[in-house]
Amino acid sequence: MKPTPFPQATYPPLRHGWTGGRRAPGWARRALSLLLGLCLVAAAPVGRAGTLLLQPGEDFTRRHLEDLLAELLPPAAAGVRRELVVYRPALPLPNTASRPVRIAATDWHLDARTGHFRLVLAAELADGSAGSRIPVAGELRERVAVPVPRRPLPAGTLVEAADVETAWLPLAALPEDVVADAQRLVGREALRPLWPGRPVREADLGTPRLVRRGETLTLVLRRPGLEITAVGRALDDGAAGEVVRVMNLDSRRVVRARVSGLREAVPLATETGS
């Protein structure tokens, strides 16, 4: 005779289709995403640690599982959101019991490195007359808010505030040199294409080039009480404070100038007013 999950078949606490420690064919294989915030609202009365009580006909839902795990999980770090992915069983679990059912979370195990977890739901009638054990497996994922491009940004783009938005991305998937502060993203230049919704690395960004090779710029010739401007063509790329070669388009002479602004440079001979 095959073993039955409950001593009294007339009062099965949960119809989960599991007997003899084997997985039921009806269990869904797709992952069910359950968002677990920093604070969880109880969906059922919670008794002693890791237990709750289902009323007759009340199915076991993902919120019930969240309530149980809230007492078992370590505290989340500041600024971290948790996402709970359940591999099995498929939820909700139907409850056909005509009397209250007590559910307890037992055999809890969490792999801190991978986030994979497993536990066993011990379900029994409140009077202890019938019960079953339901294995649960899943993964705990942590997400953090990071600035990401709002639109595709080609290499050479100067990143502006309107180009950036915040996305919650898996912590484990972020590179070590991820740009975590939007202020370190805005005002810098993309050294390679940046894609919407993807994290940006420090290596993807550089000091913005205010002067680009081949572009026309303004040469500012300064003397005490006098400022003269001329049009030049940049022969080098340059960021603020860098020295580049510039051809004066009037005289055709090539001078060395220090980048002082967007498409602007000051010839070195005039920096001290000489």
C-alpha atoms as a PDB file:
ATOM      1  CA  MET A   1       0.000   0.000   0.000  1.00  0.00           C
ATOM      2  CA  LYS A   2       1.328   3.417  -0.950  1.00  0.00           C
ATOM      3  CA  PRO A   3       1.936   5.835   1.923  1.00  0.00           C
ATOM      4  CA  THR A   4      -0.516   8.727   2.278  1.00  0.00           C
ATOM      5  CA  PRO A   5       0.542  12.177   3.383  1.00  0.00           C
ATOM      6  CA  PHE A   6      -1.997  12.373   6.187  1.00  0.00           C
ATOM      7  CA  PRO A   7      -3.013   9.891   8.877  1.00  0.00           C
ATOM      8  CA  GLN A   8      -6.668  10.902   8.408  1.00  0.00           C
ATOM      9  CA  ALA A   9      -7.437  11.226   4.723  1.00  0.00           C
ATOM     10  CA  THR A  10     -10.788  12.880   5.468  1.00  0.00           C
ATOM     11  CA  TYR A  11      -8.984  15.967   6.773  1.00  0.00           C
ATOM     12  CA  PRO A  12      -6.004  16.655   4.538  1.00  0.00           C
ATOM     13  CA  PRO A  13      -4.528  20.049   5.511  1.00  0.00           C
ATOM     14  CA  LEU A  14      -3.153  20.902   2.056  1.00  0.00           C
ATOM     15  CA  ARG A  15      -3.664  19.254  -1.324  1.00  0.00           C
ATOM     16  CA  HIS A  16      -0.083  19.429  -2.533  1.00  0.00           C
ATOM     17  CA  GLY A  17       0.158  16.072  -4.312  1.00  0.00           C
ATOM     18  CA  TRP A  18       3.388  15.003  -2.550  1.00  0.00           C
ATOM     19  CA  THR A  19       3.848  11.571  -1.005  1.00  0.00           C
ATOM     20  CA  GLY A  20       6.779   9.433  -0.058  1.00  0.00           C
ATOM     21  CA  GLY A  21       9.262  12.322  -0.449  1.00  0.00           C
ATOM     22  CA  ARG A  22       8.816  12.552  -4.246  1.00  0.00           C
ATOM     23  CA  ARG A  23       7.979  15.661  -6.233  1.00  0.00           C
ATOM     24  CA  ALA A  24       4.455  15.767  -7.580  1.00  0.00           C
ATOM     25  CA  PRO A  25       4.151  15.856 -11.391  1.00  0.00           C
ATOM     26  CA  GLY A  26       1.796  18.810 -11.119  1.00  0.00           C
ATOM     27  CA  TRP A  27       4.337  21.158  -9.553  1.00  0.00           C
ATOM     28  CA  ALA A  28       5.038  24.110 -11.798  1.00  0.00           C
ATOM     29  CA  ARG A  29       8.600  24.392 -13.049  1.00  0.00           C
ATOM     30  CA  ARG A  30       8.599  28.078 -13.736  1.00  0.00           C
ATOM     31  CA  ALA A  31       9.949  30.419 -11.086  1.00  0.00           C
ATOM     32  CA  LEU A  32       7.461  32.569  -9.211  1.00  0.00           C
ATOM     33  CA  SER A  33       8.874  36.001  -8.344  1.00  0.00           C
ATOM     34  CA  LEU A  34       7.927  37.227  -4.889  1.00  0.00           C
ATOM     35  CA  LEU A  35       9.004  40.721  -3.917  1.00  0.00           C
ATOM     36  CA  LEU A  36      10.124  40.802  -0.303  1.00  0.00           C
ATOM     37  CA  GLY A  37      10.457  44.373   0.932  1.00  0.00           C
ATOM     38  CA  LEU A  38      12.253  45.582   4.006  1.00  0.00           C
ATOM     39  CA  CYS A  39       8.932  45.374   5.866  1.00  0.00           C
ATOM     40  CA  LEU A  40       6.302  42.691   5.218  1.00  0.00           C
ATOM     41  CA  VAL A  41       2.629  42.986   6.091  1.00  0.00           C
ATOM     42  CA  ALA A  42       1.306  39.810   7.730  1.00  0.00           C
ATOM     43  CA  ALA A  43      -1.353  38.011   5.703  1.00  0.00           C
ATOM     44  CA  ALA A  44      -2.235  35.541   8.470  1.00  0.00           C
ATOM     45  CA  PRO A  45      -1.803  35.418  12.239  1.00  0.00           C
ATOM     46  CA  VAL A  46       1.745  34.384  13.065  1.00  0.00           C
ATOM     47  CA  GLY A  47       2.250  32.308  16.177  1.00  0.00           C
ATOM     48  CA  ARG A  48       5.607  31.143  17.471  1.00  0.00           C
ATOM     49  CA  ALA A  49       8.662  31.916  15.340  1.00  0.00           C
ATOM     50  CA  GLY A  50       8.318  30.401  11.871  1.00  0.00           C
ATOM     51  CA  THR A  51       4.658  29.329  12.191  1.00  0.00           C
ATOM     52  CA  LEU A  52       1.243  30.561  11.075  1.00  0.00           C
ATOM     53  CA  LEU A  53      -2.326  29.344  11.216  1.00  0.00           C
ATOM     54  CA  LEU A  54      -4.519  28.843   8.139  1.00  0.00           C
ATOM     55  CA  GLN A  55      -8.267  28.992   8.565  1.00  0.00           C
ATOM     56  CA  PRO A  56     -10.470  26.311   6.936  1.00  0.00           C
ATOM     57  CA  GLY A  57     -10.424  26.707   3.153  1.00  0.00           C
ATOM     58  CA  GLU A  58      -7.693  29.389   3.243  1.00  0.00           C
ATOM     59  CA  ASP A  59      -5.088  28.532   0.599  1.00  0.00           C
ATOM     60  CA  PHE A  60      -1.361  28.848   1.288  1.00  0.00           C
ATOM     61  CA  THR A  61      -0.209  31.790  -0.835  1.00  0.00           C
ATOM     62  CA  ARG A  62       3.056  33.504  -1.579  1.00  0.00           C
ATOM     63  CA  ARG A  63       2.278  36.123   1.083  1.00  0.00           C
ATOM     64  CA  HIS A  64       2.108  33.346   3.677  1.00  0.00           C
ATOM     65  CA  LEU A  65       5.518  32.130   2.558  1.00  0.00           C
ATOM     66  CA  GLU A  66       6.889  35.673   2.783  1.00  0.00           C
ATOM     67  CA  ASP A  67       5.606  35.928   6.340  1.00  0.00           C
ATOM     68  CA  LEU A  68       7.359  32.719   7.324  1.00  0.00           C
ATOM     69  CA  LEU A  69      10.648  33.656   5.662  1.00  0.00           C
ATOM     70  CA  ALA A  70      10.615  37.167   7.152  1.00  0.00           C
ATOM     71  CA  GLU A  71      11.407  35.549  10.512  1.00  0.00           C
ATOM     72  CA  LEU A  72      14.153  33.329   9.083  1.00  0.00           C
ATOM     73  CA  LEU A  73      16.056  35.665   6.758  1.00  0.00           C
ATOM     74  CA  PRO A  74      19.006  37.754   7.969  1.00  0.00           C
ATOM     75  CA  PRO A  75      18.398  41.529   7.983  1.00  0.00           C
ATOM     76  CA  ALA A  76      18.836  43.236   4.619  1.00  0.00           C
ATOM     77  CA  ALA A  77      21.596  45.807   4.298  1.00  0.00           C
ATOM     78  CA  ALA A  78      20.633  49.468   4.028  1.00  0.00           C
ATOM     79  CA  GLY A  79      19.492  50.417   0.529  1.00  0.00           C
ATOM     80  CA  VAL A  80      19.019  46.787  -0.547  1.00  0.00           C
ATOM     81  CA  ARG A  81      15.789  45.332  -1.885  1.00  0.00           C
ATOM     82  CA  ARG A  82      15.170  41.627  -1.751  1.00  0.00           C
ATOM     83  CA  GLU A  83      13.584  39.488  -4.428  1.00  0.00           C
ATOM     84  CA  LEU A  84      12.491  36.001  -3.518  1.00  0.00           C
ATOM     85  CA  VAL A  85      12.328  33.515  -6.402  1.00  0.00           C
ATOM     86  CA  VAL A  86      10.522  30.270  -5.599  1.00  0.00           C
ATOM     87  CA  TYR A  87      11.374  27.277  -7.779  1.00  0.00           C
ATOM     88  CA  ARG A  88       8.951  24.871  -6.130  1.00  0.00           C
ATOM     89  CA  PRO A  89       6.188  24.273  -5.255  1.00  0.00           C
ATOM     90  CA  ALA A  90       3.781  26.195  -7.466  1.00  0.00           C
ATOM     91  CA  LEU A  91       1.712  28.603  -5.395  1.00  0.00           C
ATOM     92  CA  PRO A  92      -0.943  28.899  -4.130  1.00  0.00           C
ATOM     93  CA  LEU A  93      -1.307  25.492  -2.465  1.00  0.00           C
ATOM     94  CA  PRO A  94      -5.001  24.552  -2.144  1.00  0.00           C
ATOM     95  CA  ASN A  95      -6.242  23.964   1.406  1.00  0.00           C
ATOM     96  CA  THR A  96      -9.219  21.587   1.587  1.00  0.00           C
ATOM     97  CA  ALA A  97      -9.164  21.149   5.359  1.00  0.00           C
ATOM     98  CA  SER A  98     -12.373  21.828   7.265  1.00  0.00           C
ATOM     99  CA  ARG A  99     -10.417  22.727  10.401  1.00  0.00           C
ATOM    100  CA  PRO A 100      -7.557  25.191  11.068  1.00  0.00           C
ATOM    101  CA  VAL A 101      -4.141  24.133   9.766  1.00  0.00           C
ATOM    102  CA  ARG A 102      -0.865  25.059  11.434  1.00  0.00           C
ATOM    103  CA  ILE A 103       2.099  25.654   9.078  1.00  0.00           C
ATOM    104  CA  ALA A 104       5.646  25.681  10.407  1.00  0.00           C
ATOM    105  CA  ALA A 105       8.887  26.368   8.515  1.00  0.00           C
ATOM    106  CA  THR A 106      11.504  23.731   9.356  1.00  0.00           C
ATOM    107  CA  ASP A 107      14.874  22.504   8.065  1.00  0.00           C
ATOM    108  CA  TRP A 108      15.802  26.028   6.914  1.00  0.00           C
ATOM    109  CA  HIS A 109      19.047  26.399   4.961  1.00  0.00           C
ATOM    110  CA  LEU A 110      20.410  29.456   3.110  1.00  0.00           C
ATOM    111  CA  ASP A 111      23.612  29.477   1.055  1.00  0.00           C
ATOM    112  CA  ALA A 112      24.978  32.975   1.694  1.00  0.00           C
ATOM    113  CA  ARG A 113      27.207  32.807  -1.395  1.00  0.00           C
ATOM    114  CA  THR A 114      24.645  31.788  -4.010  1.00  0.00           C
ATOM    115  CA  GLY A 115      21.433  32.905  -2.304  1.00  0.00           C
ATOM    116  CA  HIS A 116      19.835  29.484  -2.818  1.00  0.00           C
ATOM    117  CA  PHE A 117      17.616  28.338   0.013  1.00  0.00           C
ATOM    118  CA  ARG A 118      15.511  25.374   0.981  1.00  0.00           C
ATOM    119  CA  LEU A 119      13.087  24.567   3.766  1.00  0.00           C
ATOM    120  CA  VAL A 120      10.262  22.214   4.624  1.00  0.00           C
ATOM    121  CA  LEU A 121       6.709  23.321   5.370  1.00  0.00           C
ATOM    122  CA  ALA A 122       5.333  21.127   8.159  1.00  0.00           C
ATOM    123  CA  ALA A 123       1.538  21.274   7.817  1.00  0.00           C
ATOM    124  CA  GLU A 124      -0.759  19.720  10.394  1.00  0.00           C
ATOM    125  CA  LEU A 125      -4.264  20.153  11.694  1.00  0.00           C
ATOM    126  CA  ALA A 126      -4.321  22.373  14.738  1.00  0.00           C
ATOM    127  CA  ASP A 127      -5.226  19.397  16.921  1.00  0.00           C
ATOM    128  CA  GLY A 128      -2.273  17.412  15.539  1.00  0.00           C
ATOM    129  CA  SER A 129      -4.464  14.671  14.072  1.00  0.00           C
ATOM    130  CA  ALA A 130      -3.064  14.791  10.512  1.00  0.00           C
ATOM    131  CA  GLY A 131      -0.133  16.367   8.738  1.00  0.00           C
ATOM    132  CA  SER A 132       2.311  16.424   5.827  1.00  0.00           C
ATOM    133  CA  ARG A 133       5.722  17.863   4.872  1.00  0.00           C
ATOM    134  CA  ILE A 134       6.155  20.025   1.777  1.00  0.00           C
ATOM    135  CA  PRO A 135       9.670  20.814   0.461  1.00  0.00           C
ATOM    136  CA  VAL A 136      10.298  24.375  -0.735  1.00  0.00           C
ATOM    137  CA  ALA A 137      13.282  25.550  -2.799  1.00  0.00           C
ATOM    138  CA  GLY A 138      14.197  28.922  -4.216  1.00  0.00           C
ATOM    139  CA  GLU A 139      16.690  31.745  -4.419  1.00  0.00           C
ATOM    140  CA  LEU A 140      17.140  34.989  -2.509  1.00  0.00           C
ATOM    141  CA  ARG A 141      18.307  37.851  -4.742  1.00  0.00           C
ATOM    142  CA  GLU A 142      19.362  41.303  -3.594  1.00  0.00           C
ATOM    143  CA  ARG A 143      18.994  44.433  -5.703  1.00  0.00           C
ATOM    144  CA  VAL A 144      20.454  47.904  -5.292  1.00  0.00           C
ATOM    145  CA  ALA A 145      19.672  51.231  -6.952  1.00  0.00           C
ATOM    146  CA  VAL A 146      22.298  52.344  -9.467  1.00  0.00           C
ATOM    147  CA  PRO A 147      22.308  55.090 -12.117  1.00  0.00           C
ATOM    148  CA  VAL A 148      21.939  53.784 -15.680  1.00  0.00           C
ATOM    149  CA  PRO A 149      21.576  55.424 -19.101  1.00  0.00           C
ATOM    150  CA  ARG A 150      18.026  56.321 -20.067  1.00  0.00           C
ATOM    151  CA  ARG A 151      18.844  56.109 -23.791  1.00  0.00           C
ATOM    152  CA  PRO A 152      21.681  54.768 -25.956  1.00  0.00           C
ATOM    153  CA  LEU A 153      24.753  56.986 -25.550  1.00  0.00           C
ATOM    154  CA  PRO A 154      27.371  56.685 -28.312  1.00  0.00           C
ATOM    155  CA  ALA A 155      31.052  56.891 -27.479  1.00  0.00           C
ATOM    156  CA  GLY A 156      32.101  60.517 -27.093  1.00  0.00           C
ATOM    157  CA  THR A 157      28.770  61.641 -25.611  1.00  0.00           C
ATOM    158  CA  LEU A 158      28.901  64.069 -22.712  1.00  0.00           C
ATOM    159  CA  VAL A 159      26.526  62.540 -20.159  1.00  0.00           C
ATOM    160  CA  GLU A 160      23.842  64.938 -18.943  1.00  0.00           C
ATOM    161  CA  ALA A 161      21.387  64.618 -16.056  1.00  0.00           C
ATOM    162  CA  ALA A 162      18.519  63.996 -18.503  1.00  0.00           C
ATOM    163  CA  ASP A 163      20.393  60.959 -19.849  1.00  0.00           C
ATOM    164  CA  VAL A 164      20.371  59.158 -16.474  1.00  0.00           C
ATOM    165  CA  GLU A 165      17.750  57.267 -14.507  1.00  0.00           C
ATOM    166  CA  THR A 166      17.773  54.852 -11.552  1.00  0.00           C
ATOM    167  CA  ALA A 167      17.338  51.083 -11.893  1.00  0.00           C
ATOM    168  CA  TRP A 168      17.279  48.306  -9.296  1.00  0.00           C
ATOM    169  CA  LEU A 169      19.825  45.744 -10.465  1.00  0.00           C
ATOM    170  CA  PRO A 170      21.005  42.426  -8.962  1.00  0.00           C
ATOM    171  CA  LEU A 171      23.828  43.131  -6.542  1.00  0.00           C
ATOM    172  CA  ALA A 172      25.693  39.940  -7.411  1.00  0.00           C
ATOM    173  CA  ALA A 173      25.781  40.858 -11.118  1.00  0.00           C
ATOM    174  CA  LEU A 174      27.322  44.319 -10.693  1.00  0.00           C
ATOM    175  CA  PRO A 175      30.990  44.803 -11.650  1.00  0.00           C
ATOM    176  CA  GLU A 176      33.401  45.892  -8.933  1.00  0.00           C
ATOM    177  CA  ASP A 177      33.962  49.309 -10.545  1.00  0.00           C
ATOM    178  CA  VAL A 178      30.285  50.078 -11.129  1.00  0.00           C
ATOM    179  CA  VAL A 179      29.347  53.758 -10.973  1.00  0.00           C
ATOM    180  CA  ALA A 180      26.960  53.826  -8.015  1.00  0.00           C
ATOM    181  CA  ASP A 181      26.464  57.593  -7.739  1.00  0.00           C
ATOM    182  CA  ALA A 182      24.733  59.594 -10.467  1.00  0.00           C
ATOM    183  CA  GLN A 183      26.950  62.581  -9.680  1.00  0.00           C
ATOM    184  CA  ARG A 184      29.961  60.574 -10.861  1.00  0.00           C
ATOM    185  CA  LEU A 185      28.165  59.833 -14.125  1.00  0.00           C
ATOM    186  CA  VAL A 186      26.797  63.236 -15.101  1.00  0.00           C
ATOM    187  CA  GLY A 187      29.309  65.561 -16.730  1.00  0.00           C
ATOM    188  CA  ARG A 188      31.672  62.815 -17.859  1.00  0.00           C
ATOM    189  CA  GLU A 189      32.309  61.493 -21.338  1.00  0.00           C
ATOM    190  CA  ALA A 190      31.371  58.029 -22.568  1.00  0.00           C
ATOM    191  CA  LEU A 191      34.523  56.299 -23.787  1.00  0.00           C
ATOM    192  CA  ARG A 192      32.467  53.496 -25.321  1.00  0.00           C
ATOM    193  CA  PRO A 193      28.764  53.030 -26.143  1.00  0.00           C
ATOM    194  CA  LEU A 194      26.493  52.965 -23.079  1.00  0.00           C
ATOM    195  CA  TRP A 195      23.191  51.085 -23.214  1.00  0.00           C
ATOM    196  CA  PRO A 196      19.852  51.809 -21.506  1.00  0.00           C
ATOM    197  CA  GLY A 197      19.266  50.001 -18.211  1.00  0.00           C
ATOM    198  CA  ARG A 198      22.794  48.587 -17.996  1.00  0.00           C
ATOM    199  CA  PRO A 199      25.284  49.459 -15.243  1.00  0.00           C
ATOM    200  CA  VAL A 200      28.144  51.791 -16.140  1.00  0.00           C
ATOM    201  CA  ARG A 201      31.716  51.057 -15.116  1.00  0.00           C
ATOM    202  CA  GLU A 202      34.335  53.619 -14.195  1.00  0.00           C
ATOM    203  CA  ALA A 203      36.360  52.335 -17.143  1.00  0.00           C
ATOM    204  CA  ASP A 204      33.482  53.331 -19.455  1.00  0.00           C
ATOM    205  CA  LEU A 205      33.880  57.015 -18.569  1.00  0.00           C
ATOM    206  CA  GLY A 206      36.531  59.660 -18.903  1.00  0.00           C
ATOM    207  CA  THR A 207      37.150  63.337 -18.364  1.00  0.00           C
ATOM    208  CA  PRO A 208      35.071  65.183 -20.972  1.00  0.00           C
ATOM    209  CA  ARG A 209      36.959  66.499 -23.991  1.00  0.00           C
ATOM    210  CA  LEU A 210      36.083  70.156 -24.284  1.00  0.00           C
ATOM    211  CA  VAL A 211      38.148  70.441 -27.455  1.00  0.00           C
ATOM    212  CA  ARG A 212      38.078  67.846 -30.213  1.00  0.00           C
ATOM    213  CA  ARG A 213      40.528  67.359 -33.029  1.00  0.00           C
ATOM    214  CA  GLY A 214      39.332  68.989 -36.257  1.00  0.00           C
ATOM    215  CA  GLU A 215      36.799  71.251 -34.556  1.00  0.00           C
ATOM    216  CA  THR A 216      37.008  75.021 -34.680  1.00  0.00           C
ATOM    217  CA  LEU A 217      37.522  76.793 -31.384  1.00  0.00           C
ATOM    218  CA  THR A 218      38.126  80.233 -29.965  1.00  0.00           C
ATOM    219  CA  LEU A 219      41.668  81.284 -29.088  1.00  0.00           C
ATOM    220  CA  VAL A 220      41.561  83.822 -26.292  1.00  0.00           C
ATOM    221  CA  LEU A 221      44.592  86.164 -26.241  1.00  0.00           C
ATOM    222  CA  ARG A 222      44.773  87.947 -22.919  1.00  0.00           C
ATOM    223  CA  ARG A 223      46.777  91.044 -22.007  1.00  0.00           C
ATOM    224  CA  PRO A 224      46.384  93.328 -18.992  1.00  0.00           C
ATOM    225  CA  GLY A 225      43.140  95.174 -19.605  1.00  0.00           C
ATOM    226  CA  LEU A 226      42.755  93.609 -23.034  1.00  0.00           C
ATOM    227  CA  GLU A 227      41.295  90.412 -24.471  1.00  0.00           C
ATOM    228  CA  ILE A 228      41.572  89.452 -28.128  1.00  0.00           C
ATOM    229  CA  THR A 229      39.932  86.423 -29.700  1.00  0.00           C
ATOM    230  CA  ALA A 230      40.799  84.511 -32.842  1.00  0.00           C
ATOM    231  CA  VAL A 231      39.414  81.458 -34.598  1.00  0.00           C
ATOM    232  CA  GLY A 232      41.508  78.322 -34.584  1.00  0.00           C
ATOM    233  CA  ARG A 233      41.286  74.652 -35.479  1.00  0.00           C
ATOM    234  CA  ALA A 234      42.159  72.018 -32.888  1.00  0.00           C
ATOM    235  CA  LEU A 235      44.848  69.556 -33.913  1.00  0.00           C
ATOM    236  CA  ASP A 236      44.405  67.459 -30.741  1.00  0.00           C
ATOM    237  CA  ASP A 237      41.669  66.371 -28.356  1.00  0.00           C
ATOM    238  CA  GLY A 238      41.799  68.024 -24.953  1.00  0.00           C
ATOM    239  CA  ALA A 239      40.044  68.083 -21.593  1.00  0.00           C
ATOM    240  CA  ALA A 240      39.937  71.062 -19.235  1.00  0.00           C
ATOM    241  CA  GLY A 241      43.481  72.180 -18.362  1.00  0.00           C
ATOM    242  CA  GLU A 242      45.197  70.049 -20.986  1.00  0.00           C
ATOM    243  CA  VAL A 243      47.549  71.542 -23.580  1.00  0.00           C
ATOM    244  CA  VAL A 244      46.672  71.030 -27.255  1.00  0.00           C
ATOM    245  CA  ARG A 245      47.982  72.215 -30.599  1.00  0.00           C
ATOM    246  CA  VAL A 246      45.833  74.781 -32.375  1.00  0.00           C
ATOM    247  CA  MET A 247      46.184  76.294 -35.832  1.00  0.00           C
ATOM    248  CA  ASN A 248      45.304  79.978 -36.033  1.00  0.00           C
ATOM    249  CA  LEU A 249      43.095  80.128 -39.122  1.00  0.00           C
ATOM    250  CA  ASP A 250      44.092  83.741 -39.843  1.00  0.00           C
ATOM    251  CA  SER A 251      47.878  83.397 -39.614  1.00  0.00           C
ATOM    252  CA  ARG A 252      48.059  79.607 -40.282  1.00  0.00           C
ATOM    253  CA  ARG A 253      50.488  79.405 -37.367  1.00  0.00           C
ATOM    254  CA  VAL A 254      50.338  76.455 -34.995  1.00  0.00           C
ATOM    255  CA  VAL A 255      50.426  77.364 -31.305  1.00  0.00           C
ATOM    256  CA  ARG A 256      50.187  75.427 -28.074  1.00  0.00           C
ATOM    257  CA  ALA A 257      47.176  76.386 -25.999  1.00  0.00           C
ATOM    258  CA  ARG A 258      45.611  75.290 -22.731  1.00  0.00           C
ATOM    259  CA  VAL A 259      41.955  74.217 -22.845  1.00  0.00           C
ATOM    260  CA  SER A 260      39.934  76.685 -20.768  1.00  0.00           C
ATOM    261  CA  GLY A 261      36.349  75.826 -21.712  1.00  0.00           C
ATOM    262  CA  LEU A 262      34.082  74.226 -24.267  1.00  0.00           C
ATOM    263  CA  ARG A 263      35.784  74.842 -27.647  1.00  0.00           C
ATOM    264  CA  GLU A 264      37.998  77.481 -26.051  1.00  0.00           C
ATOM    265  CA  ALA A 265      41.745  77.623 -25.364  1.00  0.00           C
ATOM    266  CA  VAL A 266      44.340  80.145 -24.170  1.00  0.00           C
ATOM    267  CA  PRO A 267      47.739  80.242 -25.938  1.00  0.00           C
ATOM    268  CA  LEU A 268      50.490  79.399 -23.439  1.00  0.00           C
ATOM    269  CA  ALA A 269      52.431  82.594 -24.175  1.00  0.00           C
ATOM    270  CA  THR A 270      49.482  84.689 -22.964  1.00  0.00           C
ATOM    271  CA  GLU A 271      48.625  82.805 -19.750  1.00  0.00           C
ATOM    272  CA  THR A 272      50.923  85.006 -17.650  1.00  0.00           C
ATOM    273  CA  GLY A 273      50.055  88.154 -19.569  1.00  0.00           C
ATOM    274  CA  SER A 274      53.482  88.389 -21.220  1.00  0.00           C
END
